Amino acid sequence: FRFLAICLSAFVCSAAALNAQDAIYDESLIPEFTLPDPF
């Protein structure tokens, strides 16, 4: 619920509107990624 409230407090991009010029404010739109291993 807290994360939903946080996301709703900002402008949320829809998937249809998302392009290279849009900022992501929706956790579901974050691309998959792998972080560099510290070790």
Full PDB file with SEQRES, HELIX, SHEET, SSBOND, CRYST1, ORIGX, SCALE, CONECT and MASTER records, all heavy atoms in Angstrom:
SEQRES   1 A   39  PHE ARG PHE LEU ALA ILE CYS LEU SER ALA PHE VAL CYS          
SEQRES   2 A   39  SER ALA ALA ALA LEU ASN ALA GLN ASP ALA ILE TYR ASP          
SEQRES   3 A   39  GLU SER LEU ILE PRO GLU PHE THR LEU PRO ASP PRO PHE          
HELIX    1 AA1 ARG A    2  LEU A    8  1                                   7    
HELIX    2 AA2 GLU A   27  LEU A   29  5                                   3    
CRYST1    1.000    1.000    1.000  90.00  90.00  90.00 P 1           1          
ORIGX1      1.000000  0.000000  0.000000        0.00000                         
ORIGX2      0.000000  1.000000  0.000000        0.00000                         
ORIGX3      0.000000  0.000000  1.000000        0.00000                         
SCALE1      1.000000  0.000000  0.000000        0.00000                         
SCALE2      0.000000  1.000000  0.000000        0.00000                         
SCALE3      0.000000  0.000000  1.000000        0.00000                         
ATOM      1  N   PHE A   1       0.831  -1.198   0.000  1.00  0.00           N  
ATOM      2  CA  PHE A   1       0.000   0.000   0.000  1.00  0.00           C  
ATOM      3  C   PHE A   1       0.868   1.252   0.000  1.00  0.00           C  
ATOM      4  O   PHE A   1       0.580   2.229  -0.689  1.00  0.00           O  
ATOM      5  CB  PHE A   1      -0.916  -0.013   1.224  1.00  0.00           C  
ATOM      6  CG  PHE A   1      -1.838   1.174   1.270  1.00  0.00           C  
ATOM      7  CD1 PHE A   1      -3.016   1.193   0.541  1.00  0.00           C  
ATOM      8  CD2 PHE A   1      -1.514   2.292   2.040  1.00  0.00           C  
ATOM      9  CE1 PHE A   1      -3.857   2.293   0.579  1.00  0.00           C  
ATOM     10  CE2 PHE A   1      -2.349   3.388   2.076  1.00  0.00           C  
ATOM     11  CZ  PHE A   1      -3.526   3.385   1.342  1.00  0.00           C  
ATOM     12  N   ARG A   2       1.951   1.221   0.785  1.00  0.00           N  
ATOM     13  CA  ARG A   2       2.841   2.375   0.871  1.00  0.00           C  
ATOM     14  C   ARG A   2       3.481   2.663  -0.484  1.00  0.00           C  
ATOM     15  O   ARG A   2       3.537   3.806  -0.923  1.00  0.00           O  
ATOM     16  CB  ARG A   2       3.916   2.118   1.932  1.00  0.00           C  
ATOM     17  CG  ARG A   2       4.952   3.220   2.041  1.00  0.00           C  
ATOM     18  CD  ARG A   2       5.761   3.085   3.320  1.00  0.00           C  
ATOM     19  NE  ARG A   2       6.255   1.743   3.494  1.00  0.00           N  
ATOM     20  CZ  ARG A   2       7.371   1.289   2.929  1.00  0.00           C  
ATOM     21  NH1 ARG A   2       8.074   2.090   2.174  1.00  0.00           N  
ATOM     22  NH2 ARG A   2       7.771   0.051   3.131  1.00  0.00           N  
ATOM     23  N   PHE A   3       3.950   1.612  -1.163  1.00  0.00           N  
ATOM     24  CA  PHE A   3       4.579   1.829  -2.461  1.00  0.00           C  
ATOM     25  C   PHE A   3       3.564   2.331  -3.484  1.00  0.00           C  
ATOM     26  O   PHE A   3       3.884   3.168  -4.338  1.00  0.00           O  
ATOM     27  CB  PHE A   3       5.225   0.534  -2.958  1.00  0.00           C  
ATOM     28  CG  PHE A   3       6.617   0.339  -2.455  1.00  0.00           C  
ATOM     29  CD1 PHE A   3       6.917  -0.683  -1.572  1.00  0.00           C  
ATOM     30  CD2 PHE A   3       7.634   1.200  -2.841  1.00  0.00           C  
ATOM     31  CE1 PHE A   3       8.202  -0.848  -1.089  1.00  0.00           C  
ATOM     32  CE2 PHE A   3       8.913   1.039  -2.351  1.00  0.00           C  
ATOM     33  CZ  PHE A   3       9.193   0.013  -1.475  1.00  0.00           C  
ATOM     34  N   LEU A   4       2.316   1.840  -3.389  1.00  0.00           N  
ATOM     35  CA  LEU A   4       1.280   2.325  -4.289  1.00  0.00           C  
ATOM     36  C   LEU A   4       1.034   3.804  -4.062  1.00  0.00           C  
ATOM     37  O   LEU A   4       0.922   4.594  -5.007  1.00  0.00           O  
ATOM     38  CB  LEU A   4      -0.012   1.535  -4.062  1.00  0.00           C  
ATOM     39  CG  LEU A   4      -1.223   1.959  -4.911  1.00  0.00           C  
ATOM     40  CD1 LEU A   4      -0.901   1.790  -6.395  1.00  0.00           C  
ATOM     41  CD2 LEU A   4      -2.446   1.141  -4.522  1.00  0.00           C  
ATOM     42  N   ALA A   5       0.997   4.202  -2.787  1.00  0.00           N  
ATOM     43  CA  ALA A   5       0.782   5.616  -2.460  1.00  0.00           C  
ATOM     44  C   ALA A   5       1.918   6.480  -2.977  1.00  0.00           C  
ATOM     45  O   ALA A   5       1.694   7.587  -3.472  1.00  0.00           O  
ATOM     46  CB  ALA A   5       0.632   5.776  -0.951  1.00  0.00           C  
ATOM     47  N   ILE A   6       3.139   5.950  -2.857  1.00  0.00           N  
ATOM     48  CA  ILE A   6       4.294   6.704  -3.337  1.00  0.00           C  
ATOM     49  C   ILE A   6       4.210   6.923  -4.839  1.00  0.00           C  
ATOM     50  O   ILE A   6       4.417   8.019  -5.352  1.00  0.00           O  
ATOM     51  CB  ILE A   6       5.603   5.974  -2.979  1.00  0.00           C  
ATOM     52  CG1 ILE A   6       5.846   6.040  -1.469  1.00  0.00           C  
ATOM     53  CG2 ILE A   6       6.790   6.570  -3.718  1.00  0.00           C  
ATOM     54  CD1 ILE A   6       7.017   5.197  -1.011  1.00  0.00           C  
ATOM     55  N   CYS A   7       3.890   5.842  -5.557  1.00  0.00           N  
ATOM     56  CA  CYS A   7       3.840   5.943  -7.018  1.00  0.00           C  
ATOM     57  C   CYS A   7       2.723   6.875  -7.475  1.00  0.00           C  
ATOM     58  O   CYS A   7       2.869   7.620  -8.443  1.00  0.00           O  
ATOM     59  CB  CYS A   7       3.663   4.555  -7.630  1.00  0.00           C  
ATOM     60  SG  CYS A   7       5.103   3.497  -7.470  1.00  0.00           S  
ATOM     61  N   LEU A   8       1.559   6.830  -6.764  1.00  0.00           N  
ATOM     62  CA  LEU A   8       0.437   7.669  -7.153  1.00  0.00           C  
ATOM     63  C   LEU A   8       0.678   9.137  -6.859  1.00  0.00           C  
ATOM     64  O   LEU A   8      -0.006  10.006  -7.399  1.00  0.00           O  
ATOM     65  CB  LEU A   8      -0.829   7.194  -6.438  1.00  0.00           C  
ATOM     66  CG  LEU A   8      -1.399   5.859  -6.916  1.00  0.00           C  
ATOM     67  CD1 LEU A   8      -2.605   5.466  -6.069  1.00  0.00           C  
ATOM     68  CD2 LEU A   8      -1.774   5.913  -8.387  1.00  0.00           C  
ATOM     69  N   SER A   9       1.676   9.427  -6.006  1.00  0.00           N  
ATOM     70  CA  SER A   9       1.958  10.824  -5.669  1.00  0.00           C  
ATOM     71  C   SER A   9       2.661  11.544  -6.800  1.00  0.00           C  
ATOM     72  O   SER A   9       2.808  12.747  -6.774  1.00  0.00           O  
ATOM     73  CB  SER A   9       2.820  10.905  -4.404  1.00  0.00           C  
ATOM     74  OG  SER A   9       4.112  10.423  -4.675  1.00  0.00           O  
ATOM     75  N   ALA A  10       3.148  10.815  -7.784  1.00  0.00           N  
ATOM     76  CA  ALA A  10       3.823  11.418  -8.930  1.00  0.00           C  
ATOM     77  C   ALA A  10       3.074  11.061 -10.208  1.00  0.00           C  
ATOM     78  O   ALA A  10       2.198  10.186 -10.209  1.00  0.00           O  
ATOM     79  CB  ALA A  10       5.273  10.927  -8.998  1.00  0.00           C  
ATOM     80  N   PHE A  11       3.412  11.691 -11.284  1.00  0.00           N  
ATOM     81  CA  PHE A  11       2.829  11.354 -12.574  1.00  0.00           C  
ATOM     82  C   PHE A  11       3.283   9.968 -12.992  1.00  0.00           C  
ATOM     83  O   PHE A  11       4.454   9.662 -13.007  1.00  0.00           O  
ATOM     84  CB  PHE A  11       3.273  12.368 -13.625  1.00  0.00           C  
ATOM     85  CG  PHE A  11       2.862  12.009 -15.033  1.00  0.00           C  
ATOM     86  CD1 PHE A  11       1.561  12.187 -15.437  1.00  0.00           C  
ATOM     87  CD2 PHE A  11       3.776  11.477 -15.915  1.00  0.00           C  
ATOM     88  CE1 PHE A  11       1.190  11.863 -16.717  1.00  0.00           C  
ATOM     89  CE2 PHE A  11       3.403  11.141 -17.197  1.00  0.00           C  
ATOM     90  CZ  PHE A  11       2.098  11.335 -17.604  1.00  0.00           C  
ATOM     91  N   VAL A  12       2.319   9.087 -13.336  1.00  0.00           N  
ATOM     92  CA  VAL A  12       2.637   7.714 -13.709  1.00  0.00           C  
ATOM     93  C   VAL A  12       2.507   7.575 -15.217  1.00  0.00           C  
ATOM     94  O   VAL A  12       1.449   7.847 -15.794  1.00  0.00           O  
ATOM     95  CB  VAL A  12       1.702   6.717 -13.000  1.00  0.00           C  
ATOM     96  CG1 VAL A  12       2.037   5.296 -13.417  1.00  0.00           C  
ATOM     97  CG2 VAL A  12       1.809   6.871 -11.502  1.00  0.00           C  
ATOM     98  N   CYS A  13       3.579   7.149 -15.862  1.00  0.00           N  
ATOM     99  CA  CYS A  13       3.556   6.963 -17.310  1.00  0.00           C  
ATOM    100  C   CYS A  13       2.799   5.683 -17.656  1.00  0.00           C  
ATOM    101  O   CYS A  13       2.970   4.674 -16.992  1.00  0.00           O  
ATOM    102  CB  CYS A  13       4.980   6.845 -17.861  1.00  0.00           C  
ATOM    103  SG  CYS A  13       5.995   8.273 -17.539  1.00  0.00           S  
ATOM    104  N   SER A  14       2.008   5.690 -18.670  1.00  0.00           N  
ATOM    105  CA  SER A  14       1.379   4.465 -19.165  1.00  0.00           C  
ATOM    106  C   SER A  14       2.320   3.785 -20.132  1.00  0.00           C  
ATOM    107  O   SER A  14       3.182   4.406 -20.745  1.00  0.00           O  
ATOM    108  CB  SER A  14       0.057   4.790 -19.859  1.00  0.00           C  
ATOM    109  OG  SER A  14       0.304   5.496 -21.064  1.00  0.00           O  
ATOM    110  N   ALA A  15       2.160   2.487 -20.306  1.00  0.00           N  
ATOM    111  CA  ALA A  15       3.046   1.735 -21.191  1.00  0.00           C  
ATOM    112  C   ALA A  15       2.927   2.241 -22.622  1.00  0.00           C  
ATOM    113  O   ALA A  15       3.900   2.278 -23.378  1.00  0.00           O  
ATOM    114  CB  ALA A  15       2.710   0.247 -21.121  1.00  0.00           C  
ATOM    115  N   ALA A  16       1.729   2.642 -23.017  1.00  0.00           N  
ATOM    116  CA  ALA A  16       1.544   3.110 -24.387  1.00  0.00           C  
ATOM    117  C   ALA A  16       2.264   4.422 -24.633  1.00  0.00           C  
ATOM    118  O   ALA A  16       2.723   4.695 -25.750  1.00  0.00           O  
ATOM    119  CB  ALA A  16       0.050   3.281 -24.671  1.00  0.00           C  
ATOM    120  N   ALA A  17       2.349   5.254 -23.603  1.00  0.00           N  
ATOM    121  CA  ALA A  17       2.980   6.563 -23.773  1.00  0.00           C  
ATOM    122  C   ALA A  17       4.473   6.533 -23.561  1.00  0.00           C  
ATOM    123  O   ALA A  17       5.170   7.492 -23.873  1.00  0.00           O  
ATOM    124  CB  ALA A  17       2.351   7.561 -22.803  1.00  0.00           C  
ATOM    125  N   LEU A  18       4.983   5.414 -23.010  1.00  0.00           N  
ATOM    126  CA  LEU A  18       6.390   5.358 -22.663  1.00  0.00           C  
ATOM    127  C   LEU A  18       7.263   5.358 -23.914  1.00  0.00           C  
ATOM    128  O   LEU A  18       7.079   4.574 -24.821  1.00  0.00           O  
ATOM    129  CB  LEU A  18       6.676   4.097 -21.845  1.00  0.00           C  
ATOM    130  CG  LEU A  18       8.089   3.951 -21.319  1.00  0.00           C  
ATOM    131  CD1 LEU A  18       8.409   5.061 -20.334  1.00  0.00           C  
ATOM    132  CD2 LEU A  18       8.278   2.588 -20.668  1.00  0.00           C  
ATOM    133  N   ASN A  19       8.225   6.266 -23.974  1.00  0.00           N  
ATOM    134  CA  ASN A  19       9.207   6.261 -25.053  1.00  0.00           C  
ATOM    135  C   ASN A  19      10.494   6.836 -24.501  1.00  0.00           C  
ATOM    136  O   ASN A  19      10.628   7.055 -23.303  1.00  0.00           O  
ATOM    137  CB  ASN A  19       8.701   7.061 -26.271  1.00  0.00           C  
ATOM    138  CG  ASN A  19       8.368   8.498 -25.916  1.00  0.00           C  
ATOM    139  OD1 ASN A  19       9.159   9.177 -25.274  1.00  0.00           O  
ATOM    140  ND2 ASN A  19       7.196   8.961 -26.328  1.00  0.00           N  
ATOM    141  N   ALA A  20      11.447   7.072 -25.375  1.00  0.00           N  
ATOM    142  CA  ALA A  20      12.781   7.486 -24.914  1.00  0.00           C  
ATOM    143  C   ALA A  20      12.762   8.829 -24.204  1.00  0.00           C  
ATOM    144  O   ALA A  20      13.697   9.165 -23.498  1.00  0.00           O  
ATOM    145  CB  ALA A  20      13.748   7.539 -26.098  1.00  0.00           C  
ATOM    146  N   GLN A  21      11.684   9.606 -24.393  1.00  0.00           N  
ATOM    147  CA  GLN A  21      11.641  10.934 -23.791  1.00  0.00           C  
ATOM    148  C   GLN A  21      10.906  10.952 -22.457  1.00  0.00           C  
ATOM    149  O   GLN A  21      10.863  11.973 -21.785  1.00  0.00           O  
ATOM    150  CB  GLN A  21      10.957  11.917 -24.756  1.00  0.00           C  
ATOM    151  CG  GLN A  21      11.685  12.056 -26.085  1.00  0.00           C  
ATOM    152  CD  GLN A  21      13.114  12.522 -25.919  1.00  0.00           C  
ATOM    153  OE1 GLN A  21      13.372  13.462 -25.183  1.00  0.00           O  
ATOM    154  NE2 GLN A  21      14.037  11.876 -26.587  1.00  0.00           N  
ATOM    155  N   ASP A  22      10.295   9.854 -22.050  1.00  0.00           N  
ATOM    156  CA  ASP A  22       9.479   9.829 -20.843  1.00  0.00           C  
ATOM    157  C   ASP A  22      10.269   9.332 -19.650  1.00  0.00           C  
ATOM    158  O   ASP A  22      11.138   8.477 -19.766  1.00  0.00           O  
ATOM    159  CB  ASP A  22       8.257   8.924 -21.045  1.00  0.00           C  
ATOM    160  CG  ASP A  22       7.263   9.488 -22.041  1.00  0.00           C  
ATOM    161  OD1 ASP A  22       7.093  10.722 -22.071  1.00  0.00           O  
ATOM    162  OD2 ASP A  22       6.679   8.697 -22.791  1.00  0.00           O  
ATOM    163  N   ALA A  23       9.925   9.847 -18.514  1.00  0.00           N  
ATOM    164  CA  ALA A  23      10.493   9.348 -17.269  1.00  0.00           C  
ATOM    165  C   ALA A  23       9.613   8.225 -16.740  1.00  0.00           C  
ATOM    166  O   ALA A  23       8.400   8.257 -16.877  1.00  0.00           O  
ATOM    167  CB  ALA A  23      10.581  10.469 -16.244  1.00  0.00           C  
ATOM    168  N   ILE A  24      10.234   7.231 -16.139  1.00  0.00           N  
ATOM    169  CA  ILE A  24       9.508   6.117 -15.544  1.00  0.00           C  
ATOM    170  C   ILE A  24       9.170   6.454 -14.096  1.00  0.00           C  
ATOM    171  O   ILE A  24      10.046   6.807 -13.309  1.00  0.00           O  
ATOM    172  CB  ILE A  24      10.348   4.819 -15.600  1.00  0.00           C  
ATOM    173  CG1 ILE A  24      10.614   4.415 -17.047  1.00  0.00           C  
ATOM    174  CG2 ILE A  24       9.658   3.692 -14.853  1.00  0.00           C  
ATOM    175  CD1 ILE A  24      11.555   3.228 -17.179  1.00  0.00           C  
ATOM    176  N   TYR A  25       7.888   6.329 -13.752  1.00  0.00           N  
ATOM    177  CA  TYR A  25       7.448   6.485 -12.372  1.00  0.00           C  
ATOM    178  C   TYR A  25       6.630   5.281 -11.905  1.00  0.00           C  
ATOM    179  O   TYR A  25       5.997   5.338 -10.859  1.00  0.00           O  
ATOM    180  CB  TYR A  25       6.604   7.753 -12.216  1.00  0.00           C  
ATOM    181  CG  TYR A  25       7.398   9.032 -12.323  1.00  0.00           C  
ATOM    182  CD1 TYR A  25       7.197   9.904 -13.385  1.00  0.00           C  
ATOM    183  CD2 TYR A  25       8.343   9.366 -11.361  1.00  0.00           C  
ATOM    184  CE1 TYR A  25       7.919  11.087 -13.480  1.00  0.00           C  
ATOM    185  CE2 TYR A  25       9.068  10.544 -11.444  1.00  0.00           C  
ATOM    186  CZ  TYR A  25       8.859  11.404 -12.506  1.00  0.00           C  
ATOM    187  OH  TYR A  25       9.579  12.578 -12.589  1.00  0.00           O  
ATOM    188  N   ASP A  26       6.657   4.231 -12.676  1.00  0.00           N  
ATOM    189  CA  ASP A  26       5.888   3.031 -12.375  1.00  0.00           C  
ATOM    190  C   ASP A  26       6.866   1.868 -12.231  1.00  0.00           C  
ATOM    191  O   ASP A  26       7.593   1.545 -13.171  1.00  0.00           O  
ATOM    192  CB  ASP A  26       4.900   2.777 -13.518  1.00  0.00           C  
ATOM    193  CG  ASP A  26       3.946   1.627 -13.236  1.00  0.00           C  
ATOM    194  OD1 ASP A  26       4.284   0.763 -12.395  1.00  0.00           O  
ATOM    195  OD2 ASP A  26       2.877   1.585 -13.871  1.00  0.00           O  
ATOM    196  N   GLU A  27       6.883   1.230 -11.055  1.00  0.00           N  
ATOM    197  CA  GLU A  27       7.816   0.129 -10.815  1.00  0.00           C  
ATOM    198  C   GLU A  27       7.659  -0.988 -11.840  1.00  0.00           C  
ATOM    199  O   GLU A  27       8.635  -1.670 -12.171  1.00  0.00           O  
ATOM    200  CB  GLU A  27       7.619  -0.429  -9.403  1.00  0.00           C  
ATOM    201  CG  GLU A  27       8.047   0.497  -8.282  1.00  0.00           C  
ATOM    202  CD  GLU A  27       9.549   0.502  -8.058  1.00  0.00           C  
ATOM    203  OE1 GLU A  27      10.209  -0.488  -8.421  1.00  0.00           O  
ATOM    204  OE2 GLU A  27      10.071   1.504  -7.521  1.00  0.00           O  
ATOM    205  N   SER A  28       6.455  -1.185 -12.367  1.00  0.00           N  
ATOM    206  CA  SER A  28       6.235  -2.280 -13.322  1.00  0.00           C  
ATOM    207  C   SER A  28       6.892  -2.016 -14.671  1.00  0.00           C  
ATOM    208  O   SER A  28       7.035  -2.936 -15.481  1.00  0.00           O  
ATOM    209  CB  SER A  28       4.732  -2.507 -13.510  1.00  0.00           C  
ATOM    210  OG  SER A  28       4.137  -1.436 -14.230  1.00  0.00           O  
ATOM    211  N   LEU A  29       7.282  -0.762 -14.933  1.00  0.00           N  
ATOM    212  CA  LEU A  29       7.899  -0.412 -16.213  1.00  0.00           C  
ATOM    213  C   LEU A  29       9.424  -0.424 -16.166  1.00  0.00           C  
ATOM    214  O   LEU A  29      10.071  -0.203 -17.185  1.00  0.00           O  
ATOM    215  CB  LEU A  29       7.413   0.968 -16.665  1.00  0.00           C  
ATOM    216  CG  LEU A  29       5.911   1.117 -16.911  1.00  0.00           C  
ATOM    217  CD1 LEU A  29       5.592   2.534 -17.357  1.00  0.00           C  
ATOM    218  CD2 LEU A  29       5.428   0.112 -17.954  1.00  0.00           C  
ATOM    219  N   ILE A  30       9.978  -0.690 -15.002  1.00  0.00           N  
ATOM    220  CA  ILE A  30      11.432  -0.731 -14.891  1.00  0.00           C  
ATOM    221  C   ILE A  30      11.958  -1.955 -15.641  1.00  0.00           C  
ATOM    222  O   ILE A  30      11.487  -3.075 -15.418  1.00  0.00           O  
ATOM    223  CB  ILE A  30      11.865  -0.777 -13.413  1.00  0.00           C  
ATOM    224  CG1 ILE A  30      11.482   0.521 -12.712  1.00  0.00           C  
ATOM    225  CG2 ILE A  30      13.363  -1.015 -13.281  1.00  0.00           C  
ATOM    226  CD1 ILE A  30      11.694   0.503 -11.228  1.00  0.00           C  
ATOM    227  N   PRO A  31      12.916  -1.781 -16.536  1.00  0.00           N  
ATOM    228  CA  PRO A  31      13.430  -2.936 -17.293  1.00  0.00           C  
ATOM    229  C   PRO A  31      14.214  -3.887 -16.399  1.00  0.00           C  
ATOM    230  O   PRO A  31      14.718  -3.501 -15.343  1.00  0.00           O  
ATOM    231  CB  PRO A  31      14.345  -2.284 -18.333  1.00  0.00           C  
ATOM    232  CG  PRO A  31      14.765  -0.995 -17.713  1.00  0.00           C  
ATOM    233  CD  PRO A  31      13.596  -0.523 -16.897  1.00  0.00           C  
ATOM    234  N   GLU A  32      14.304  -5.127 -16.828  1.00  0.00           N  
ATOM    235  CA  GLU A  32      15.129  -6.078 -16.098  1.00  0.00           C  
ATOM    236  C   GLU A  32      16.595  -5.673 -16.225  1.00  0.00           C  
ATOM    237  O   GLU A  32      17.035  -5.181 -17.262  1.00  0.00           O  
ATOM    238  CB  GLU A  32      14.930  -7.488 -16.648  1.00  0.00           C  
ATOM    239  CG  GLU A  32      13.545  -8.063 -16.391  1.00  0.00           C  
ATOM    240  CD  GLU A  32      13.447  -9.505 -16.832  1.00  0.00           C  
ATOM    241  OE1 GLU A  32      14.492 -10.089 -17.241  1.00  0.00           O  
ATOM    242  OE2 GLU A  32      12.337 -10.060 -16.793  1.00  0.00           O  
ATOM    243  N   PHE A  33      17.347  -5.869 -15.157  1.00  0.00           N  
ATOM    244  CA  PHE A  33      18.762  -5.513 -15.195  1.00  0.00           C  
ATOM    245  C   PHE A  33      19.522  -6.371 -14.201  1.00  0.00           C  
ATOM    246  O   PHE A  33      18.945  -6.970 -13.286  1.00  0.00           O  
ATOM    247  CB  PHE A  33      18.967  -4.019 -14.878  1.00  0.00           C  
ATOM    248  CG  PHE A  33      18.479  -3.604 -13.511  1.00  0.00           C  
ATOM    249  CD1 PHE A  33      19.292  -3.735 -12.381  1.00  0.00           C  
ATOM    250  CD2 PHE A  33      17.208  -3.070 -13.346  1.00  0.00           C  
ATOM    251  CE1 PHE A  33      18.838  -3.352 -11.124  1.00  0.00           C  
ATOM    252  CE2 PHE A  33      16.753  -2.681 -12.092  1.00  0.00           C  
ATOM    253  CZ  PHE A  33      17.576  -2.822 -10.977  1.00  0.00           C  
ATOM    254  N   THR A  34      20.821  -6.421 -14.416  1.00  0.00           N  
ATOM    255  CA  THR A  34      21.720  -7.138 -13.510  1.00  0.00           C  
ATOM    256  C   THR A  34      22.771  -6.149 -13.021  1.00  0.00           C  
ATOM    257  O   THR A  34      23.438  -5.490 -13.827  1.00  0.00           O  
ATOM    258  CB  THR A  34      22.411  -8.312 -14.216  1.00  0.00           C  
ATOM    259  OG1 THR A  34      21.411  -9.223 -14.683  1.00  0.00           O  
ATOM    260  CG2 THR A  34      23.352  -9.038 -13.264  1.00  0.00           C  
ATOM    261  N   LEU A  35      22.917  -6.045 -11.715  1.00  0.00           N  
ATOM    262  CA  LEU A  35      23.909  -5.132 -11.158  1.00  0.00           C  
ATOM    263  C   LEU A  35      25.304  -5.728 -11.212  1.00  0.00           C  
ATOM    264  O   LEU A  35      25.471  -6.949 -11.066  1.00  0.00           O  
ATOM    265  CB  LEU A  35      23.562  -4.810  -9.705  1.00  0.00           C  
ATOM    266  CG  LEU A  35      22.318  -3.959  -9.450  1.00  0.00           C  
ATOM    267  CD1 LEU A  35      22.078  -3.833  -7.950  1.00  0.00           C  
ATOM    268  CD2 LEU A  35      22.459  -2.578 -10.081  1.00  0.00           C  
ATOM    269  N   PRO A  36      26.320  -4.887 -11.410  1.00  0.00           N  
ATOM    270  CA  PRO A  36      27.702  -5.380 -11.303  1.00  0.00           C  
ATOM    271  C   PRO A  36      27.935  -5.979  -9.922  1.00  0.00           C  
ATOM    272  O   PRO A  36      27.524  -5.404  -8.913  1.00  0.00           O  
ATOM    273  CB  PRO A  36      28.546  -4.124 -11.534  1.00  0.00           C  
ATOM    274  CG  PRO A  36      27.648  -3.165 -12.255  1.00  0.00           C  
ATOM    275  CD  PRO A  36      26.263  -3.450 -11.760  1.00  0.00           C  
ATOM    276  N   ASP A  37      28.586  -7.113  -9.885  1.00  0.00           N  
ATOM    277  CA  ASP A  37      28.852  -7.818  -8.630  1.00  0.00           C  
ATOM    278  C   ASP A  37      29.971  -7.118  -7.868  1.00  0.00           C  
ATOM    279  O   ASP A  37      31.070  -6.954  -8.395  1.00  0.00           O  
ATOM    280  CB  ASP A  37      29.237  -9.260  -8.935  1.00  0.00           C  
ATOM    281  CG  ASP A  37      29.481 -10.093  -7.685  1.00  0.00           C  
ATOM    282  OD1 ASP A  37      29.325  -9.568  -6.561  1.00  0.00           O  
ATOM    283  OD2 ASP A  37      29.839 -11.275  -7.838  1.00  0.00           O  
ATOM    284  N   PRO A  38      29.721  -6.694  -6.620  1.00  0.00           N  
ATOM    285  CA  PRO A  38      30.791  -6.053  -5.855  1.00  0.00           C  
ATOM    286  C   PRO A  38      32.020  -6.936  -5.690  1.00  0.00           C  
ATOM    287  O   PRO A  38      33.136  -6.420  -5.533  1.00  0.00           O  
ATOM    288  CB  PRO A  38      30.139  -5.776  -4.492  1.00  0.00           C  
ATOM    289  CG  PRO A  38      28.673  -5.779  -4.746  1.00  0.00           C  
ATOM    290  CD  PRO A  38      28.469  -6.752  -5.856  1.00  0.00           C  
ATOM    291  N   PHE A  39      31.826  -8.247  -5.743  1.00  0.00           N  
ATOM    292  CA  PHE A  39      32.902  -9.177  -5.411  1.00  0.00           C  
ATOM    293  C   PHE A  39      33.536  -9.840  -6.626  1.00  0.00           C  
ATOM    294  O   PHE A  39      34.262 -10.827  -6.494  1.00  0.00           O  
ATOM    295  CB  PHE A  39      32.383 -10.243  -4.439  1.00  0.00           C  
ATOM    296  CG  PHE A  39      31.835  -9.668  -3.167  1.00  0.00           C  
ATOM    297  CD1 PHE A  39      30.502  -9.853  -2.828  1.00  0.00           C  
ATOM    298  CD2 PHE A  39      32.636  -8.913  -2.329  1.00  0.00           C  
ATOM    299  CE1 PHE A  39      29.992  -9.310  -1.661  1.00  0.00           C  
ATOM    300  CE2 PHE A  39      32.132  -8.365  -1.158  1.00  0.00           C  
ATOM    301  CZ  PHE A  39      30.803  -8.569  -0.827  1.00  0.00           C  
TER     302      PHE A  39                                                      
MASTER        0    0    0    2    0    0    0    6  301    1    0    3          
END                                                                             
